[in-house]
Amino acid sequence: VVSVTPRGWALPANEASYREWLSANGWAKQLPIAQLNPDSFLDV
């Protein structure tokens, strides 16, 4: 799962920690929409 983030976004501390937990486990990663392209997508 790749979570794509918009230019304007923020999360409460608890929710940000949960997303970091998902990422630290390797289950999901984040990618800004502004950097989203086929190559960056494959890398993630």
PDB file of all heavy atoms in Angstrom:
ATOM      1  N   VAL A   1       0.838  -1.198   0.000  1.00  0.00           N
ATOM      2  CA  VAL A   1       0.000   0.000   0.000  1.00  0.00           C
ATOM      3  C   VAL A   1       0.872   1.247   0.000  1.00  0.00           C
ATOM      4  O   VAL A   1       1.778   1.381   0.824  1.00  0.00           O
ATOM      5  CB  VAL A   1      -0.928   0.040   1.236  1.00  0.00           C
ATOM      6  CG1 VAL A   1      -1.891   1.220   1.132  1.00  0.00           C
ATOM      7  CG2 VAL A   1      -1.698  -1.264   1.381  1.00  0.00           C
ATOM      8  N   VAL A   2       0.577   2.151  -0.922  1.00  0.00           N
ATOM      9  CA  VAL A   2       1.249   3.449  -0.987  1.00  0.00           C
ATOM     10  C   VAL A   2       0.217   4.520  -0.681  1.00  0.00           C
ATOM     11  O   VAL A   2      -0.805   4.634  -1.368  1.00  0.00           O
ATOM     12  CB  VAL A   2       1.877   3.698  -2.368  1.00  0.00           C
ATOM     13  CG1 VAL A   2       2.517   5.089  -2.416  1.00  0.00           C
ATOM     14  CG2 VAL A   2       2.918   2.630  -2.682  1.00  0.00           C
ATOM     15  N   SER A   3       0.470   5.277   0.379  1.00  0.00           N
ATOM     16  CA  SER A   3      -0.402   6.385   0.755  1.00  0.00           C
ATOM     17  C   SER A   3       0.132   7.657   0.112  1.00  0.00           C
ATOM     18  O   SER A   3       1.278   8.046   0.349  1.00  0.00           O
ATOM     19  CB  SER A   3      -0.421   6.524   2.279  1.00  0.00           C
ATOM     20  OG  SER A   3      -1.127   7.668   2.677  1.00  0.00           O
ATOM     21  N   VAL A   4      -0.684   8.302  -0.722  1.00  0.00           N
ATOM     22  CA  VAL A   4      -0.226   9.500  -1.437  1.00  0.00           C
ATOM     23  C   VAL A   4      -0.785  10.737  -0.743  1.00  0.00           C
ATOM     24  O   VAL A   4      -1.969  10.819  -0.422  1.00  0.00           O
ATOM     25  CB  VAL A   4      -0.621   9.457  -2.926  1.00  0.00           C
ATOM     26  CG1 VAL A   4       0.175   8.378  -3.651  1.00  0.00           C
ATOM     27  CG2 VAL A   4      -2.104   9.206  -3.125  1.00  0.00           C
ATOM     28  N   THR A   5       0.091  11.692  -0.504  1.00  0.00           N
ATOM     29  CA  THR A   5      -0.252  12.857   0.310  1.00  0.00           C
ATOM     30  C   THR A   5      -0.340  14.122  -0.544  1.00  0.00           C
ATOM     31  O   THR A   5       0.482  14.326  -1.437  1.00  0.00           O
ATOM     32  CB  THR A   5       0.796  13.065   1.412  1.00  0.00           C
ATOM     33  OG1 THR A   5       2.088  13.268   0.821  1.00  0.00           O
ATOM     34  CG2 THR A   5       0.863  11.840   2.311  1.00  0.00           C
ATOM     35  N   PRO A   6      -1.320  14.976  -0.274  1.00  0.00           N
ATOM     36  CA  PRO A   6      -1.462  16.229  -1.027  1.00  0.00           C
ATOM     37  C   PRO A   6      -0.479  17.284  -0.520  1.00  0.00           C
ATOM     38  O   PRO A   6       0.245  17.077   0.460  1.00  0.00           O
ATOM     39  CB  PRO A   6      -2.902  16.640  -0.750  1.00  0.00           C
ATOM     40  CG  PRO A   6      -3.171  16.109   0.619  1.00  0.00           C
ATOM     41  CD  PRO A   6      -2.409  14.812   0.715  1.00  0.00           C
ATOM     42  N   ARG A   7      -0.496  18.434  -1.161  1.00  0.00           N
ATOM     43  CA  ARG A   7       0.388  19.527  -0.758  1.00  0.00           C
ATOM     44  C   ARG A   7       0.012  20.085   0.610  1.00  0.00           C
ATOM     45  O   ARG A   7       0.871  20.443   1.401  1.00  0.00           O
ATOM     46  CB  ARG A   7       0.349  20.631  -1.822  1.00  0.00           C
ATOM     47  CG  ARG A   7       1.067  20.244  -3.097  1.00  0.00           C
ATOM     48  CD  ARG A   7       0.710  21.190  -4.246  1.00  0.00           C
ATOM     49  NE  ARG A   7       1.546  20.948  -5.418  1.00  0.00           N
ATOM     50  CZ  ARG A   7       1.348  19.961  -6.279  1.00  0.00           C
ATOM     51  NH1 ARG A   7       0.338  19.110  -6.077  1.00  0.00           N
ATOM     52  NH2 ARG A   7       2.151  19.805  -7.322  1.00  0.00           N
ATOM     53  N   GLY A   8      -1.279  20.165   0.865  1.00  0.00           N
ATOM     54  CA  GLY A   8      -1.743  20.719   2.132  1.00  0.00           C
ATOM     55  C   GLY A   8      -2.251  19.623   3.043  1.00  0.00           C
ATOM     56  O   GLY A   8      -3.392  19.181   2.902  1.00  0.00           O
ATOM     57  N   TRP A   9      -1.430  19.187   3.967  1.00  0.00           N
ATOM     58  CA  TRP A   9      -1.916  18.128   4.849  1.00  0.00           C
ATOM     59  C   TRP A   9      -1.118  18.112   6.148  1.00  0.00           C
ATOM     60  O   TRP A   9       0.031  18.525   6.217  1.00  0.00           O
ATOM     61  CB  TRP A   9      -1.871  16.770   4.162  1.00  0.00           C
ATOM     62  CG  TRP A   9      -0.547  16.057   4.241  1.00  0.00           C
ATOM     63  CD1 TRP A   9       0.648  16.483   3.738  1.00  0.00           C
ATOM     64  CD2 TRP A   9      -0.306  14.801   4.851  1.00  0.00           C
ATOM     65  NE1 TRP A   9       1.623  15.556   4.001  1.00  0.00           N
ATOM     66  CE2 TRP A   9       1.064  14.504   4.681  1.00  0.00           C
ATOM     67  CE3 TRP A   9      -1.115  13.881   5.527  1.00  0.00           C
ATOM     68  CZ2 TRP A   9       1.643  13.347   5.169  1.00  0.00           C
ATOM     69  CZ3 TRP A   9      -0.528  12.717   5.999  1.00  0.00           C
ATOM     70  CH2 TRP A   9       0.836  12.460   5.818  1.00  0.00           C
ATOM     71  N   ALA A  10      -1.786  17.674   7.195  1.00  0.00           N
ATOM     72  CA  ALA A  10      -1.171  17.500   8.504  1.00  0.00           C
ATOM     73  C   ALA A  10      -2.036  16.494   9.250  1.00  0.00           C
ATOM     74  O   ALA A  10      -3.205  16.293   8.920  1.00  0.00           O
ATOM     75  CB  ALA A  10      -1.105  18.822   9.247  1.00  0.00           C
ATOM     76  N   LEU A  11      -1.446  15.868  10.250  1.00  0.00           N
ATOM     77  CA  LEU A  11      -2.169  14.883  11.031  1.00  0.00           C
ATOM     78  C   LEU A  11      -1.979  15.155  12.523  1.00  0.00           C
ATOM     79  O   LEU A  11      -0.913  15.632  12.931  1.00  0.00           O
ATOM     80  CB  LEU A  11      -1.662  13.465  10.721  1.00  0.00           C
ATOM     81  CG  LEU A  11      -1.902  12.923   9.318  1.00  0.00           C
ATOM     82  CD1 LEU A  11      -1.186  11.591   9.154  1.00  0.00           C
ATOM     83  CD2 LEU A  11      -3.387  12.763   9.028  1.00  0.00           C
ATOM     84  N   PRO A  12      -2.977  14.845  13.341  1.00  0.00           N
ATOM     85  CA  PRO A  12      -2.766  14.894  14.796  1.00  0.00           C
ATOM     86  C   PRO A  12      -1.624  13.963  15.179  1.00  0.00           C
ATOM     87  O   PRO A  12      -1.329  12.995  14.459  1.00  0.00           O
ATOM     88  CB  PRO A  12      -4.107  14.413  15.371  1.00  0.00           C
ATOM     89  CG  PRO A  12      -5.098  14.604  14.258  1.00  0.00           C
ATOM     90  CD  PRO A  12      -4.340  14.428  12.984  1.00  0.00           C
ATOM     91  N   ALA A  13      -0.999  14.228  16.312  1.00  0.00           N
ATOM     92  CA  ALA A  13       0.184  13.464  16.714  1.00  0.00           C
ATOM     93  C   ALA A  13      -0.096  11.967  16.795  1.00  0.00           C
ATOM     94  O   ALA A  13       0.727  11.145  16.333  1.00  0.00           O
ATOM     95  CB  ALA A  13       0.693  13.986  18.055  1.00  0.00           C
ATOM     96  N   ASN A  14      -1.247  11.563  17.360  1.00  0.00           N
ATOM     97  CA  ASN A  14      -1.563  10.142  17.474  1.00  0.00           C
ATOM     98  C   ASN A  14      -1.682   9.478  16.105  1.00  0.00           C
ATOM     99  O   ASN A  14      -1.174   8.373  15.887  1.00  0.00           O
ATOM    100  CB  ASN A  14      -2.873   9.949  18.242  1.00  0.00           C
ATOM    101  CG  ASN A  14      -2.677  10.026  19.741  1.00  0.00           C
ATOM    102  OD1 ASN A  14      -1.589   9.797  20.238  1.00  0.00           O
ATOM    103  ND2 ASN A  14      -3.740  10.349  20.458  1.00  0.00           N
ATOM    104  N   GLU A  15      -2.362  10.169  15.194  1.00  0.00           N
ATOM    105  CA  GLU A  15      -2.549   9.599  13.860  1.00  0.00           C
ATOM    106  C   GLU A  15      -1.233   9.544  13.096  1.00  0.00           C
ATOM    107  O   GLU A  15      -0.940   8.566  12.392  1.00  0.00           O
ATOM    108  CB  GLU A  15      -3.584  10.412  13.079  1.00  0.00           C
ATOM    109  CG  GLU A  15      -3.930   9.839  11.721  1.00  0.00           C
ATOM    110  CD  GLU A  15      -4.509   8.432  11.786  1.00  0.00           C
ATOM    111  OE1 GLU A  15      -5.263   8.127  12.737  1.00  0.00           O
ATOM    112  OE2 GLU A  15      -4.196   7.639  10.879  1.00  0.00           O
ATOM    113  N   ALA A  16      -0.405  10.573  13.235  1.00  0.00           N
ATOM    114  CA  ALA A  16       0.907  10.567  12.593  1.00  0.00           C
ATOM    115  C   ALA A  16       1.745   9.401  13.110  1.00  0.00           C
ATOM    116  O   ALA A  16       2.459   8.734  12.346  1.00  0.00           O
ATOM    117  CB  ALA A  16       1.620  11.890  12.833  1.00  0.00           C
ATOM    118  N   SER A  17       1.661   9.136  14.417  1.00  0.00           N
ATOM    119  CA  SER A  17       2.395   8.024  15.014  1.00  0.00           C
ATOM    120  C   SER A  17       1.910   6.685  14.450  1.00  0.00           C
ATOM    121  O   SER A  17       2.715   5.769  14.211  1.00  0.00           O
ATOM    122  CB  SER A  17       2.236   8.048  16.532  1.00  0.00           C
ATOM    123  OG  SER A  17       2.867   6.949  17.135  1.00  0.00           O
ATOM    124  N   TYR A  18       0.600   6.562  14.233  1.00  0.00           N
ATOM    125  CA  TYR A  18       0.055   5.319  13.665  1.00  0.00           C
ATOM    126  C   TYR A  18       0.576   5.094  12.245  1.00  0.00           C
ATOM    127  O   TYR A  18       0.988   3.976  11.894  1.00  0.00           O
ATOM    128  CB  TYR A  18      -1.473   5.387  13.668  1.00  0.00           C
ATOM    129  CG  TYR A  18      -2.147   4.184  13.044  1.00  0.00           C
ATOM    130  CD1 TYR A  18      -1.941   2.913  13.546  1.00  0.00           C
ATOM    131  CD2 TYR A  18      -3.007   4.340  11.961  1.00  0.00           C
ATOM    132  CE1 TYR A  18      -2.574   1.808  12.985  1.00  0.00           C
ATOM    133  CE2 TYR A  18      -3.651   3.249  11.398  1.00  0.00           C
ATOM    134  CZ  TYR A  18      -3.429   1.983  11.908  1.00  0.00           C
ATOM    135  OH  TYR A  18      -4.051   0.895  11.351  1.00  0.00           O
ATOM    136  N   ARG A  19       0.589   6.148  11.435  1.00  0.00           N
ATOM    137  CA  ARG A  19       1.103   6.004  10.077  1.00  0.00           C
ATOM    138  C   ARG A  19       2.589   5.617  10.103  1.00  0.00           C
ATOM    139  O   ARG A  19       3.053   4.811   9.292  1.00  0.00           O
ATOM    140  CB  ARG A  19       0.925   7.301   9.298  1.00  0.00           C
ATOM    141  CG  ARG A  19      -0.492   7.889   9.284  1.00  0.00           C
ATOM    142  CD  ARG A  19      -1.476   7.083   8.471  1.00  0.00           C
ATOM    143  NE  ARG A  19      -2.792   7.707   8.512  1.00  0.00           N
ATOM    144  CZ  ARG A  19      -3.284   8.490   7.556  1.00  0.00           C
ATOM    145  NH1 ARG A  19      -2.586   8.756   6.484  1.00  0.00           N
ATOM    146  NH2 ARG A  19      -4.509   8.999   7.680  1.00  0.00           N
ATOM    147  N   GLU A  20       3.335   6.205  11.038  1.00  0.00           N
ATOM    148  CA  GLU A  20       4.756   5.866  11.169  1.00  0.00           C
ATOM    149  C   GLU A  20       4.935   4.401  11.583  1.00  0.00           C
ATOM    150  O   GLU A  20       5.873   3.726  11.149  1.00  0.00           O
ATOM    151  CB  GLU A  20       5.423   6.790  12.188  1.00  0.00           C
ATOM    152  CG  GLU A  20       5.552   8.236  11.698  1.00  0.00           C
ATOM    153  CD  GLU A  20       5.935   9.192  12.812  1.00  0.00           C
ATOM    154  OE1 GLU A  20       6.173   8.713  13.948  1.00  0.00           O
ATOM    155  OE2 GLU A  20       5.992  10.412  12.555  1.00  0.00           O
ATOM    156  N   TRP A  21       4.027   3.921  12.425  1.00  0.00           N
ATOM    157  CA  TRP A  21       4.068   2.516  12.850  1.00  0.00           C
ATOM    158  C   TRP A  21       3.835   1.589  11.658  1.00  0.00           C
ATOM    159  O   TRP A  21       4.541   0.588  11.485  1.00  0.00           O
ATOM    160  CB  TRP A  21       3.017   2.304  13.936  1.00  0.00           C
ATOM    161  CG  TRP A  21       2.900   0.911  14.470  1.00  0.00           C
ATOM    162  CD1 TRP A  21       3.796   0.239  15.256  1.00  0.00           C
ATOM    163  CD2 TRP A  21       1.785   0.014  14.271  1.00  0.00           C
ATOM    164  NE1 TRP A  21       3.313  -1.007  15.555  1.00  0.00           N
ATOM    165  CE2 TRP A  21       2.095  -1.171  14.978  1.00  0.00           C
ATOM    166  CE3 TRP A  21       0.576   0.109  13.594  1.00  0.00           C
ATOM    167  CZ2 TRP A  21       1.225  -2.267  15.012  1.00  0.00           C
ATOM    168  CZ3 TRP A  21      -0.292  -0.966  13.625  1.00  0.00           C
ATOM    169  CH2 TRP A  21       0.037  -2.139  14.323  1.00  0.00           C
ATOM    170  N   LEU A  22       2.870   1.923  10.812  1.00  0.00           N
ATOM    171  CA  LEU A  22       2.625   1.131   9.603  1.00  0.00           C
ATOM    172  C   LEU A  22       3.861   1.113   8.705  1.00  0.00           C
ATOM    173  O   LEU A  22       4.247   0.077   8.164  1.00  0.00           O
ATOM    174  CB  LEU A  22       1.430   1.695   8.830  1.00  0.00           C
ATOM    175  CG  LEU A  22       0.058   1.632   9.501  1.00  0.00           C
ATOM    176  CD1 LEU A  22      -0.993   2.306   8.622  1.00  0.00           C
ATOM    177  CD2 LEU A  22      -0.353   0.192   9.803  1.00  0.00           C
ATOM    178  N   SER A  23       4.481   2.282   8.557  1.00  0.00           N
ATOM    179  CA  SER A  23       5.667   2.389   7.712  1.00  0.00           C
ATOM    180  C   SER A  23       6.852   1.636   8.306  1.00  0.00           C
ATOM    181  O   SER A  23       7.587   0.943   7.594  1.00  0.00           O
ATOM    182  CB  SER A  23       6.021   3.865   7.505  1.00  0.00           C
ATOM    183  OG  SER A  23       7.180   4.008   6.706  1.00  0.00           O
ATOM    184  N   ALA A  24       7.054   1.762   9.637  1.00  0.00           N
ATOM    185  CA  ALA A  24       8.180   1.091  10.292  1.00  0.00           C
ATOM    186  C   ALA A  24       8.077  -0.425  10.170  1.00  0.00           C
ATOM    187  O   ALA A  24       9.103  -1.118  10.079  1.00  0.00           O
ATOM    188  CB  ALA A  24       8.246   1.503  11.763  1.00  0.00           C
ATOM    189  N   ASN A  25       6.851  -0.932  10.140  1.00  0.00           N
ATOM    190  CA  ASN A  25       6.648  -2.365   9.949  1.00  0.00           C
ATOM    191  C   ASN A  25       6.805  -2.783   8.491  1.00  0.00           C
ATOM    192  O   ASN A  25       6.802  -3.986   8.199  1.00  0.00           O
ATOM    193  CB  ASN A  25       5.269  -2.778  10.465  1.00  0.00           C
ATOM    194  CG  ASN A  25       5.235  -2.966  11.969  1.00  0.00           C
ATOM    195  OD1 ASN A  25       5.795  -3.924  12.502  1.00  0.00           O
ATOM    196  ND2 ASN A  25       4.606  -2.033  12.666  1.00  0.00           N
ATOM    197  N   GLY A  26       6.901  -1.802   7.595  1.00  0.00           N
ATOM    198  CA  GLY A  26       7.077  -2.095   6.183  1.00  0.00           C
ATOM    199  C   GLY A  26       5.804  -2.390   5.434  1.00  0.00           C
ATOM    200  O   GLY A  26       5.831  -2.767   4.269  1.00  0.00           O
ATOM    201  N   TRP A  27       4.640  -2.184   6.094  1.00  0.00           N
ATOM    202  CA  TRP A  27       3.365  -2.561   5.486  1.00  0.00           C
ATOM    203  C   TRP A  27       2.839  -1.503   4.521  1.00  0.00           C
ATOM    204  O   TRP A  27       2.067  -1.821   3.609  1.00  0.00           O
ATOM    205  CB  TRP A  27       2.325  -2.798   6.571  1.00  0.00           C
ATOM    206  CG  TRP A  27       2.720  -3.833   7.560  1.00  0.00           C
ATOM    207  CD1 TRP A  27       3.548  -4.911   7.346  1.00  0.00           C
ATOM    208  CD2 TRP A  27       2.307  -3.922   8.928  1.00  0.00           C
ATOM    209  NE1 TRP A  27       3.674  -5.650   8.490  1.00  0.00           N
ATOM    210  CE2 TRP A  27       2.927  -5.072   9.488  1.00  0.00           C
ATOM    211  CE3 TRP A  27       1.484  -3.149   9.735  1.00  0.00           C
ATOM    212  CZ2 TRP A  27       2.736  -5.454  10.816  1.00  0.00           C
ATOM    213  CZ3 TRP A  27       1.289  -3.529  11.055  1.00  0.00           C
ATOM    214  CH2 TRP A  27       1.911  -4.667  11.588  1.00  0.00           C
ATOM    215  N   ALA A  28       3.180  -0.253   4.724  1.00  0.00           N
ATOM    216  CA  ALA A  28       2.690   0.836   3.877  1.00  0.00           C
ATOM    217  C   ALA A  28       3.719   1.953   3.900  1.00  0.00           C
ATOM    218  O   ALA A  28       4.414   2.155   4.893  1.00  0.00           O
ATOM    219  CB  ALA A  28       1.341   1.354   4.373  1.00  0.00           C
ATOM    220  N   LYS A  29       3.815   2.675   2.787  1.00  0.00           N
ATOM    221  CA  LYS A  29       4.739   3.799   2.694  1.00  0.00           C
ATOM    222  C   LYS A  29       4.000   5.010   2.142  1.00  0.00           C
ATOM    223  O   LYS A  29       2.965   4.879   1.480  1.00  0.00           O
ATOM    224  CB  LYS A  29       5.914   3.461   1.775  1.00  0.00           C
ATOM    225  CG  LYS A  29       6.780   2.297   2.265  1.00  0.00           C
ATOM    226  CD  LYS A  29       7.543   2.631   3.533  1.00  0.00           C
ATOM    227  CE  LYS A  29       8.447   1.482   3.968  1.00  0.00           C
ATOM    228  NZ  LYS A  29       9.186   1.789   5.208  1.00  0.00           N
ATOM    229  N   GLN A  30       4.532   6.191   2.419  1.00  0.00           N
ATOM    230  CA  GLN A  30       3.944   7.440   1.951  1.00  0.00           C
ATOM    231  C   GLN A  30       4.756   8.016   0.797  1.00  0.00           C
ATOM    232  O   GLN A  30       5.970   7.849   0.727  1.00  0.00           O
ATOM    233  CB  GLN A  30       3.889   8.470   3.079  1.00  0.00           C
ATOM    234  CG  GLN A  30       2.848   8.159   4.128  1.00  0.00           C
ATOM    235  CD  GLN A  30       2.770   9.207   5.217  1.00  0.00           C
ATOM    236  OE1 GLN A  30       1.931   9.116   6.108  1.00  0.00           O
ATOM    237  NE2 GLN A  30       3.627  10.209   5.176  1.00  0.00           N
ATOM    238  N   LEU A  31       4.050   8.732  -0.086  1.00  0.00           N
ATOM    239  CA  LEU A  31       4.691   9.399  -1.217  1.00  0.00           C
ATOM    240  C   LEU A  31       3.881  10.641  -1.559  1.00  0.00           C
ATOM    241  O   LEU A  31       2.671  10.547  -1.774  1.00  0.00           O
ATOM    242  CB  LEU A  31       4.752   8.458  -2.426  1.00  0.00           C
ATOM    243  CG  LEU A  31       5.497   8.938  -3.669  1.00  0.00           C
ATOM    244  CD1 LEU A  31       6.967   9.195  -3.361  1.00  0.00           C
ATOM    245  CD2 LEU A  31       5.375   7.895  -4.776  1.00  0.00           C
ATOM    246  N   PRO A  32       4.508  11.811  -1.586  1.00  0.00           N
ATOM    247  CA  PRO A  32       3.768  13.029  -1.951  1.00  0.00           C
ATOM    248  C   PRO A  32       3.263  12.950  -3.391  1.00  0.00           C
ATOM    249  O   PRO A  32       3.978  12.467  -4.283  1.00  0.00           O
ATOM    250  CB  PRO A  32       4.808  14.145  -1.794  1.00  0.00           C
ATOM    251  CG  PRO A  32       5.846  13.582  -0.874  1.00  0.00           C
ATOM    252  CD  PRO A  32       5.904  12.115  -1.187  1.00  0.00           C
ATOM    253  N   ILE A  33       2.059  13.418  -3.615  1.00  0.00           N
ATOM    254  CA  ILE A  33       1.521  13.432  -4.975  1.00  0.00           C
ATOM    255  C   ILE A  33       2.418  14.255  -5.898  1.00  0.00           C
ATOM    256  O   ILE A  33       2.605  13.895  -7.069  1.00  0.00           O
ATOM    257  CB  ILE A  33       0.083  13.997  -4.975  1.00  0.00           C
ATOM    258  CG1 ILE A  33      -0.862  13.017  -4.265  1.00  0.00           C
ATOM    259  CG2 ILE A  33      -0.413  14.262  -6.400  1.00  0.00           C
ATOM    260  CD1 ILE A  33      -2.279  13.540  -4.083  1.00  0.00           C
ATOM    261  N   ALA A  34       3.013  15.312  -5.365  1.00  0.00           N
ATOM    262  CA  ALA A  34       3.893  16.160  -6.181  1.00  0.00           C
ATOM    263  C   ALA A  34       5.126  15.409  -6.685  1.00  0.00           C
ATOM    264  O   ALA A  34       5.760  15.835  -7.650  1.00  0.00           O
ATOM    265  CB  ALA A  34       4.314  17.393  -5.382  1.00  0.00           C
ATOM    266  N   GLN A  35       5.489  14.297  -6.029  1.00  0.00           N
ATOM    267  CA  GLN A  35       6.644  13.502  -6.447  1.00  0.00           C
ATOM    268  C   GLN A  35       6.239  12.178  -7.085  1.00  0.00           C
ATOM    269  O   GLN A  35       7.085  11.307  -7.338  1.00  0.00           O
ATOM    270  CB  GLN A  35       7.549  13.230  -5.242  1.00  0.00           C
ATOM    271  CG  GLN A  35       8.097  14.472  -4.579  1.00  0.00           C
ATOM    272  CD  GLN A  35       8.869  14.163  -3.310  1.00  0.00           C
ATOM    273  OE1 GLN A  35       9.314  13.032  -3.086  1.00  0.00           O
ATOM    274  NE2 GLN A  35       9.048  15.167  -2.462  1.00  0.00           N
ATOM    275  N   LEU A  36       4.958  12.025  -7.352  1.00  0.00           N
ATOM    276  CA  LEU A  36       4.423  10.746  -7.819  1.00  0.00           C
ATOM    277  C   LEU A  36       4.623  10.601  -9.325  1.00  0.00           C
ATOM    278  O   LEU A  36       4.126  11.402 -10.123  1.00  0.00           O
ATOM    279  CB  LEU A  36       2.938  10.670  -7.466  1.00  0.00           C
ATOM    280  CG  LEU A  36       2.197   9.371  -7.755  1.00  0.00           C
ATOM    281  CD1 LEU A  36       2.813   8.215  -6.983  1.00  0.00           C
ATOM    282  CD2 LEU A  36       0.712   9.522  -7.384  1.00  0.00           C
ATOM    283  N   ASN A  37       5.349   9.571  -9.709  1.00  0.00           N
ATOM    284  CA  ASN A  37       5.526   9.199 -11.107  1.00  0.00           C
ATOM    285  C   ASN A  37       5.828   7.709 -11.151  1.00  0.00           C
ATOM    286  O   ASN A  37       6.077   7.090 -10.102  1.00  0.00           O
ATOM    287  CB  ASN A  37       6.632  10.029 -11.768  1.00  0.00           C
ATOM    288  CG  ASN A  37       7.968   9.869 -11.085  1.00  0.00           C
ATOM    289  OD1 ASN A  37       8.514   8.769 -10.992  1.00  0.00           O
ATOM    290  ND2 ASN A  37       8.519  10.979 -10.582  1.00  0.00           N
ATOM    291  N   PRO A  38       5.817   7.075 -12.310  1.00  0.00           N
ATOM    292  CA  PRO A  38       6.042   5.625 -12.355  1.00  0.00           C
ATOM    293  C   PRO A  38       7.343   5.180 -11.692  1.00  0.00           C
ATOM    294  O   PRO A  38       7.365   4.160 -10.991  1.00  0.00           O
ATOM    295  CB  PRO A  38       6.035   5.321 -13.859  1.00  0.00           C
ATOM    296  CG  PRO A  38       5.097   6.341 -14.426  1.00  0.00           C
ATOM    297  CD  PRO A  38       5.379   7.596 -13.634  1.00  0.00           C
ATOM    298  N   ASP A  39       8.435   5.927 -11.877  1.00  0.00           N
ATOM    299  CA  ASP A  39       9.710   5.516 -11.285  1.00  0.00           C
ATOM    300  C   ASP A  39       9.690   5.606  -9.759  1.00  0.00           C
ATOM    301  O   ASP A  39      10.123   4.676  -9.062  1.00  0.00           O
ATOM    302  CB  ASP A  39      10.857   6.378 -11.833  1.00  0.00           C
ATOM    303  CG  ASP A  39      11.173   6.070 -13.283  1.00  0.00           C
ATOM    304  OD1 ASP A  39      10.858   4.941 -13.726  1.00  0.00           O
ATOM    305  OD2 ASP A  39      11.718   6.951 -13.978  1.00  0.00           O
ATOM    306  N   SER A  40       9.213   6.732  -9.216  1.00  0.00           N
ATOM    307  CA  SER A  40       9.173   6.877  -7.759  1.00  0.00           C
ATOM    308  C   SER A  40       8.206   5.866  -7.151  1.00  0.00           C
ATOM    309  O   SER A  40       8.443   5.363  -6.044  1.00  0.00           O
ATOM    310  CB  SER A  40       8.775   8.307  -7.372  1.00  0.00           C
ATOM    311  OG  SER A  40       7.443   8.606  -7.795  1.00  0.00           O
ATOM    312  N   PHE A  41       7.158   5.565  -7.863  1.00  0.00           N
ATOM    313  CA  PHE A  41       6.171   4.587  -7.397  1.00  0.00           C
ATOM    314  C   PHE A  41       6.812   3.201  -7.256  1.00  0.00           C
ATOM    315  O   PHE A  41       6.659   2.536  -6.227  1.00  0.00           O
ATOM    316  CB  PHE A  41       5.006   4.555  -8.383  1.00  0.00           C
ATOM    317  CG  PHE A  41       3.873   3.645  -8.008  1.00  0.00           C
ATOM    318  CD1 PHE A  41       3.313   3.664  -6.740  1.00  0.00           C
ATOM    319  CD2 PHE A  41       3.336   2.760  -8.948  1.00  0.00           C
ATOM    320  CE1 PHE A  41       2.253   2.836  -6.405  1.00  0.00           C
ATOM    321  CE2 PHE A  41       2.280   1.927  -8.623  1.00  0.00           C
ATOM    322  CZ  PHE A  41       1.742   1.963  -7.349  1.00  0.00           C
ATOM    323  N   LEU A  42       7.574   2.779  -8.264  1.00  0.00           N
ATOM    324  CA  LEU A  42       8.241   1.481  -8.191  1.00  0.00           C
ATOM    325  C   LEU A  42       9.246   1.434  -7.054  1.00  0.00           C
ATOM    326  O   LEU A  42       9.373   0.430  -6.347  1.00  0.00           O
ATOM    327  CB  LEU A  42       8.945   1.162  -9.511  1.00  0.00           C
ATOM    328  CG  LEU A  42       8.110   0.576 -10.645  1.00  0.00           C
ATOM    329  CD1 LEU A  42       9.011   0.172 -11.808  1.00  0.00           C
ATOM    330  CD2 LEU A  42       7.299  -0.629 -10.169  1.00  0.00           C
ATOM    331  N   ASP A  43       9.976   2.515  -6.866  1.00  0.00           N
ATOM    332  CA  ASP A  43      10.960   2.560  -5.785  1.00  0.00           C
ATOM    333  C   ASP A  43      10.296   2.358  -4.427  1.00  0.00           C
ATOM    334  O   ASP A  43      10.808   1.626  -3.563  1.00  0.00           O
ATOM    335  CB  ASP A  43      11.715   3.891  -5.800  1.00  0.00           C
ATOM    336  CG  ASP A  43      12.684   3.998  -6.968  1.00  0.00           C
ATOM    337  OD1 ASP A  43      13.022   2.952  -7.556  1.00  0.00           O
ATOM    338  OD2 ASP A  43      13.084   5.136  -7.289  1.00  0.00           O
ATOM    339  N   VAL A  44       9.172   3.031  -4.217  1.00  0.00           N
ATOM    340  CA  VAL A  44       8.467   2.903  -2.948  1.00  0.00           C
ATOM    341  C   VAL A  44       7.869   1.502  -2.789  1.00  0.00           C
ATOM    342  O   VAL A  44       7.928   0.902  -1.707  1.00  0.00           O
ATOM    343  CB  VAL A  44       7.372   3.982  -2.824  1.00  0.00           C
ATOM    344  CG1 VAL A  44       6.479   3.720  -1.620  1.00  0.00           C
ATOM    345  CG2 VAL A  44       8.002   5.359  -2.700  1.00  0.00           C
TER     346      VAL A  44
END
